[in-house]
Amino acid sequence: MAGEARKGKDLSEGLERTAAAAERRLRLDLRAAFDAAFVMIEPFFDAQQGWAGQSLELLAYRVLRDNFPKLSSDEVHTLVIAAHRVYIERHPDNSSHLPRPSELRRVEL
């Protein structure tokens, strides 16, 4: 019986370590805000919504600052970059007009 208890304890400890290792994100608050942020700013990456084929990602920064006033400018930039990457992944045929995420410059509002 002691062997079974030890085996169960080892298994539960292993599961806890696996769960901790699987969650690599450090900023869970930003992850929680991402879904709402993406819905708000996704249209700004669409060429059909832009001016003369140019995306409006600058407006994405403004929308996020207005809707998430407690976020720092670095956090807003992180959300815009992440949304930009997700948009490119979801719309590969409609994202050639966008700069690569690494090319986006930081915007201070």
Foldseek 3Di string as FASTA:
>chain_A
DVVVVVVVVVVVVVVVVVVVVVPPDDCVVLVVCLVVLLVVCVLQQFLVSDDPSAGRLVVSLVVCCVVPVVDDLVSSLVSSLVSLVVSCVVCVVGRPNDDHSVPDDRDDD
